N, C-alpha and C. Protein backbone atom coordinates (compact mmCIF):
# COMPACT_ATOMS: atom_id res chain seq x y z
N MET A 1 -21.54 0.37 15.60
CA MET A 1 -20.44 -0.51 15.90
C MET A 1 -20.28 -0.58 17.42
N THR A 2 -20.23 -1.79 17.92
CA THR A 2 -20.07 -1.96 19.36
C THR A 2 -18.61 -1.74 19.77
N ILE A 3 -18.40 -1.62 21.06
CA ILE A 3 -17.04 -1.43 21.57
C ILE A 3 -16.17 -2.63 21.21
N ALA A 4 -16.71 -3.83 21.35
CA ALA A 4 -15.96 -5.05 21.02
C ALA A 4 -15.59 -5.07 19.53
N GLU A 5 -16.52 -4.67 18.67
CA GLU A 5 -16.24 -4.63 17.23
C GLU A 5 -15.15 -3.61 16.92
N ARG A 6 -15.22 -2.46 17.56
CA ARG A 6 -14.21 -1.42 17.35
C ARG A 6 -12.84 -1.90 17.82
N GLN A 7 -12.79 -2.54 18.98
CA GLN A 7 -11.53 -3.05 19.50
C GLN A 7 -10.95 -4.14 18.59
N ALA A 8 -11.81 -4.99 18.05
CA ALA A 8 -11.36 -6.03 17.13
C ALA A 8 -10.80 -5.40 15.85
N ARG A 9 -11.46 -4.36 15.36
CA ARG A 9 -11.00 -3.66 14.15
C ARG A 9 -9.64 -2.99 14.41
N GLU A 10 -9.50 -2.35 15.56
CA GLU A 10 -8.24 -1.69 15.91
C GLU A 10 -7.10 -2.71 16.05
N ALA A 11 -7.40 -3.87 16.65
CA ALA A 11 -6.38 -4.93 16.78
C ALA A 11 -5.97 -5.43 15.39
N HIS A 12 -6.94 -5.61 14.51
CA HIS A 12 -6.66 -6.04 13.14
C HIS A 12 -5.78 -5.01 12.43
N ASP A 13 -6.09 -3.73 12.60
CA ASP A 13 -5.30 -2.67 11.97
C ASP A 13 -3.87 -2.63 12.50
N ARG A 14 -3.69 -2.90 13.79
CA ARG A 14 -2.33 -2.93 14.36
C ARG A 14 -1.53 -4.11 13.82
N GLU A 15 -2.18 -5.26 13.69
CA GLU A 15 -1.49 -6.46 13.20
C GLU A 15 -1.23 -6.42 11.70
N ASN A 16 -2.09 -5.72 10.97
CA ASN A 16 -2.00 -5.65 9.50
C ASN A 16 -2.04 -4.19 9.06
N PRO A 17 -0.95 -3.47 9.22
CA PRO A 17 -0.97 -2.04 8.88
C PRO A 17 -1.06 -1.82 7.36
N TRP A 18 -1.57 -0.66 6.99
CA TRP A 18 -1.62 -0.28 5.59
C TRP A 18 -0.19 -0.05 5.10
N ARG A 19 0.07 -0.41 3.86
CA ARG A 19 1.40 -0.29 3.27
C ARG A 19 1.34 0.62 2.05
N PRO A 20 2.44 1.29 1.71
CA PRO A 20 2.45 2.14 0.50
C PRO A 20 2.18 1.30 -0.75
N LEU A 21 1.49 1.90 -1.69
CA LEU A 21 1.08 1.17 -2.89
C LEU A 21 2.28 0.67 -3.70
N HIS A 22 3.38 1.40 -3.71
CA HIS A 22 4.52 0.99 -4.52
C HIS A 22 5.19 -0.29 -4.00
N THR A 23 4.83 -0.73 -2.79
CA THR A 23 5.40 -1.97 -2.25
C THR A 23 4.56 -3.21 -2.60
N ALA A 24 3.43 -3.01 -3.25
CA ALA A 24 2.56 -4.15 -3.61
C ALA A 24 3.25 -5.03 -4.62
N GLN A 25 3.06 -6.33 -4.48
CA GLN A 25 3.69 -7.31 -5.36
C GLN A 25 2.64 -7.98 -6.23
N ALA A 26 2.93 -8.02 -7.52
CA ALA A 26 2.03 -8.71 -8.45
C ALA A 26 2.16 -10.21 -8.24
N GLY A 27 1.12 -10.91 -8.60
CA GLY A 27 1.20 -12.36 -8.53
C GLY A 27 0.06 -13.03 -7.81
N GLY A 28 -1.01 -12.30 -7.53
CA GLY A 28 -2.20 -12.94 -7.00
C GLY A 28 -2.36 -12.94 -5.50
N LEU A 29 -1.57 -12.15 -4.78
CA LEU A 29 -1.76 -12.04 -3.34
C LEU A 29 -3.05 -11.26 -3.07
N ILE A 30 -3.98 -11.86 -2.33
CA ILE A 30 -5.24 -11.20 -2.03
C ILE A 30 -4.98 -10.07 -1.03
N CYS A 31 -5.59 -8.91 -1.29
CA CYS A 31 -5.31 -7.71 -0.50
C CYS A 31 -6.60 -6.94 -0.21
N ASP A 32 -6.49 -6.06 0.79
CA ASP A 32 -7.48 -5.01 1.00
C ASP A 32 -6.87 -3.74 0.40
N LEU A 33 -7.71 -2.86 -0.12
CA LEU A 33 -7.23 -1.61 -0.67
C LEU A 33 -7.83 -0.44 0.08
N LEU A 34 -7.07 0.64 0.17
CA LEU A 34 -7.52 1.88 0.78
C LEU A 34 -7.60 2.92 -0.32
N PHE A 35 -8.74 3.58 -0.41
CA PHE A 35 -8.96 4.60 -1.43
C PHE A 35 -9.04 5.97 -0.77
N ASP A 36 -9.03 7.02 -1.57
CA ASP A 36 -9.06 8.38 -1.07
C ASP A 36 -10.04 9.19 -1.92
N ASP A 37 -10.81 10.06 -1.25
CA ASP A 37 -11.65 11.01 -1.97
C ASP A 37 -11.65 12.32 -1.19
N LEU A 38 -12.49 13.25 -1.56
CA LEU A 38 -12.50 14.55 -0.90
C LEU A 38 -12.89 14.46 0.57
N GLY A 39 -13.59 13.38 0.95
CA GLY A 39 -14.02 13.21 2.33
C GLY A 39 -12.99 12.52 3.21
N GLY A 40 -11.93 11.99 2.63
CA GLY A 40 -10.90 11.31 3.40
C GLY A 40 -10.61 9.93 2.86
N HIS A 41 -9.90 9.15 3.64
CA HIS A 41 -9.51 7.80 3.25
C HIS A 41 -10.63 6.83 3.62
N TYR A 42 -10.85 5.83 2.77
CA TYR A 42 -11.88 4.84 3.08
C TYR A 42 -11.52 3.49 2.49
N PRO A 43 -11.59 2.43 3.29
CA PRO A 43 -11.49 1.07 2.73
C PRO A 43 -12.89 0.61 2.34
N ILE A 44 -12.98 -0.22 1.33
CA ILE A 44 -14.28 -0.80 0.99
C ILE A 44 -14.34 -2.14 1.69
N GLU A 45 -15.18 -2.22 2.71
CA GLU A 45 -15.27 -3.42 3.54
C GLU A 45 -15.78 -4.61 2.74
N GLU A 46 -15.30 -5.77 3.11
CA GLU A 46 -15.73 -7.05 2.57
C GLU A 46 -15.47 -7.21 1.09
N ARG A 47 -14.52 -6.46 0.54
CA ARG A 47 -14.11 -6.66 -0.84
C ARG A 47 -12.61 -6.92 -0.83
N HIS A 48 -12.20 -7.82 -1.70
CA HIS A 48 -10.80 -8.18 -1.77
C HIS A 48 -10.31 -8.01 -3.20
N TYR A 49 -9.02 -7.78 -3.34
CA TYR A 49 -8.42 -7.44 -4.62
C TYR A 49 -7.12 -8.20 -4.79
N PHE A 50 -6.59 -8.17 -6.02
CA PHE A 50 -5.24 -8.67 -6.27
C PHE A 50 -4.62 -7.83 -7.37
N LEU A 51 -3.29 -7.73 -7.33
CA LEU A 51 -2.52 -7.02 -8.34
C LEU A 51 -1.98 -8.05 -9.32
N ASP A 52 -2.34 -7.91 -10.59
CA ASP A 52 -1.89 -8.86 -11.59
C ASP A 52 -0.57 -8.40 -12.20
N HIS A 53 0.06 -9.27 -12.95
CA HIS A 53 1.35 -8.96 -13.57
C HIS A 53 1.23 -7.85 -14.61
N ASP A 54 0.02 -7.57 -15.09
CA ASP A 54 -0.15 -6.47 -16.05
C ASP A 54 -0.20 -5.10 -15.38
N GLY A 55 -0.07 -5.07 -14.04
CA GLY A 55 -0.06 -3.80 -13.31
C GLY A 55 -1.43 -3.29 -12.94
N GLU A 56 -2.47 -4.06 -13.22
CA GLU A 56 -3.85 -3.67 -12.93
C GLU A 56 -4.33 -4.36 -11.66
N TRP A 57 -5.13 -3.64 -10.88
CA TRP A 57 -5.79 -4.23 -9.71
C TRP A 57 -7.13 -4.79 -10.16
N TYR A 58 -7.49 -5.96 -9.62
CA TYR A 58 -8.77 -6.60 -9.92
C TYR A 58 -9.49 -6.92 -8.63
N GLN A 59 -10.79 -6.69 -8.66
CA GLN A 59 -11.67 -7.03 -7.53
C GLN A 59 -12.11 -8.47 -7.71
N LEU A 60 -12.23 -9.20 -6.61
CA LEU A 60 -12.60 -10.62 -6.71
C LEU A 60 -14.09 -10.83 -6.92
N ASP A 61 -14.93 -10.15 -6.16
CA ASP A 61 -16.37 -10.41 -6.23
C ASP A 61 -17.15 -9.12 -6.11
N PRO A 62 -17.82 -8.66 -7.14
CA PRO A 62 -17.88 -9.23 -8.48
C PRO A 62 -16.55 -9.02 -9.20
N PRO A 63 -16.20 -9.93 -10.10
CA PRO A 63 -14.91 -9.83 -10.77
C PRO A 63 -14.88 -8.65 -11.73
N ARG A 64 -14.00 -7.69 -11.43
CA ARG A 64 -13.84 -6.55 -12.32
C ARG A 64 -12.54 -5.83 -12.03
N ARG A 65 -12.09 -5.09 -13.03
CA ARG A 65 -10.86 -4.30 -12.90
C ARG A 65 -11.17 -3.06 -12.07
N VAL A 66 -10.23 -2.66 -11.22
CA VAL A 66 -10.40 -1.49 -10.37
C VAL A 66 -10.03 -0.26 -11.20
N THR A 67 -10.96 0.68 -11.31
CA THR A 67 -10.71 1.88 -12.10
C THR A 67 -10.34 3.08 -11.23
N ILE A 68 -10.61 3.01 -9.93
CA ILE A 68 -10.26 4.08 -9.00
C ILE A 68 -8.85 3.79 -8.48
N LYS A 69 -8.01 4.79 -8.43
CA LYS A 69 -6.63 4.61 -7.97
C LYS A 69 -6.57 4.42 -6.47
N PRO A 70 -6.12 3.24 -6.00
CA PRO A 70 -5.95 3.05 -4.55
C PRO A 70 -4.72 3.80 -4.05
N ILE A 71 -4.68 4.07 -2.74
CA ILE A 71 -3.52 4.78 -2.17
C ILE A 71 -2.67 3.86 -1.29
N ASN A 72 -3.27 2.87 -0.67
CA ASN A 72 -2.54 1.93 0.19
C ASN A 72 -3.14 0.54 0.05
N TRP A 73 -2.40 -0.45 0.54
CA TRP A 73 -2.86 -1.84 0.49
C TRP A 73 -2.39 -2.56 1.73
N ARG A 74 -3.03 -3.68 2.01
CA ARG A 74 -2.53 -4.58 3.05
C ARG A 74 -2.88 -6.01 2.64
N PRO A 75 -1.95 -6.92 2.86
CA PRO A 75 -2.14 -8.29 2.40
C PRO A 75 -3.07 -9.09 3.30
N ALA A 76 -3.73 -10.06 2.69
CA ALA A 76 -4.55 -11.00 3.44
C ALA A 76 -3.81 -12.32 3.61
N HIS A 77 -2.57 -12.41 3.08
CA HIS A 77 -1.70 -13.58 3.22
C HIS A 77 -2.27 -14.84 2.58
N VAL A 78 -3.05 -14.65 1.52
CA VAL A 78 -3.59 -15.77 0.74
C VAL A 78 -3.36 -15.44 -0.72
N LYS A 79 -2.94 -16.42 -1.51
CA LYS A 79 -2.69 -16.21 -2.93
C LYS A 79 -3.73 -16.91 -3.78
N LEU A 80 -4.06 -16.28 -4.91
CA LEU A 80 -4.93 -16.89 -5.90
C LEU A 80 -4.09 -17.71 -6.87
N THR A 81 -4.65 -18.78 -7.36
CA THR A 81 -3.97 -19.57 -8.37
C THR A 81 -4.00 -18.81 -9.70
N PRO A 82 -3.08 -19.08 -10.59
CA PRO A 82 -3.11 -18.43 -11.91
C PRO A 82 -4.42 -18.69 -12.66
N GLU A 83 -4.99 -19.88 -12.46
CA GLU A 83 -6.25 -20.20 -13.13
C GLU A 83 -7.38 -19.30 -12.63
N ARG A 84 -7.46 -19.10 -11.31
CA ARG A 84 -8.51 -18.26 -10.72
C ARG A 84 -8.35 -16.81 -11.18
N ARG A 85 -7.10 -16.33 -11.24
CA ARG A 85 -6.85 -14.97 -11.73
C ARG A 85 -7.32 -14.83 -13.17
N ALA A 86 -7.05 -15.85 -14.00
CA ALA A 86 -7.46 -15.81 -15.40
C ALA A 86 -8.98 -15.77 -15.53
N ILE A 87 -9.68 -16.52 -14.68
CA ILE A 87 -11.15 -16.52 -14.70
C ILE A 87 -11.68 -15.12 -14.36
N ILE A 88 -11.12 -14.49 -13.34
CA ILE A 88 -11.57 -13.15 -12.93
C ILE A 88 -11.34 -12.16 -14.06
N LYS A 89 -10.17 -12.19 -14.67
CA LYS A 89 -9.86 -11.28 -15.76
C LYS A 89 -10.78 -11.52 -16.96
N ARG A 90 -11.05 -12.80 -17.28
CA ARG A 90 -11.93 -13.12 -18.40
C ARG A 90 -13.36 -12.62 -18.14
N ARG A 91 -13.85 -12.83 -16.91
CA ARG A 91 -15.21 -12.36 -16.58
C ARG A 91 -15.31 -10.85 -16.62
N ASP A 92 -14.25 -10.17 -16.21
CA ASP A 92 -14.23 -8.70 -16.30
C ASP A 92 -14.40 -8.28 -17.76
N LYS A 93 -13.66 -8.92 -18.66
CA LYS A 93 -13.76 -8.56 -20.08
C LYS A 93 -15.12 -8.91 -20.66
N GLU A 94 -15.68 -10.06 -20.26
CA GLU A 94 -16.98 -10.47 -20.77
C GLU A 94 -18.10 -9.57 -20.28
N TRP A 95 -18.10 -9.26 -18.98
CA TRP A 95 -19.21 -8.53 -18.38
C TRP A 95 -19.10 -7.02 -18.55
N TYR A 96 -17.89 -6.49 -18.49
CA TYR A 96 -17.72 -5.03 -18.49
C TYR A 96 -17.00 -4.52 -19.72
N GLY A 97 -16.47 -5.41 -20.54
CA GLY A 97 -15.79 -5.00 -21.75
C GLY A 97 -14.50 -4.25 -21.51
N SER A 98 -13.85 -4.52 -20.37
CA SER A 98 -12.61 -3.80 -20.04
C SER A 98 -11.46 -4.30 -20.86
C-alpha cells in the first residue's frame, strides 16, 4: 500500500467511522461490516452488505446470507430497492439452501 493509498484510507475512516452493531437499521442500507477473530478486527474489502427486516445480514456479491457475526458496521449511504433485496435473498436460498 502506498502512502497516498494509506492516507486516502485513513481519510475515509475518519469521514465514515465504524458504528456499534446495535445501531444498524434494517431496510436495505448498503454497509461495510467489520468482523473479529483471534487475530484481531478485519473488514472484508470490496464486499458490501445489507441488514434485512428479518434481522439477517446479506452479502451483495455473491448473494448470500452472512453466517459470521459482525461486530461493527458503517453505511455507504445507498439503499437497495425491495426488489433487489428479494432477488439477493432468493439467490441465497437457491444457491446455498439457506
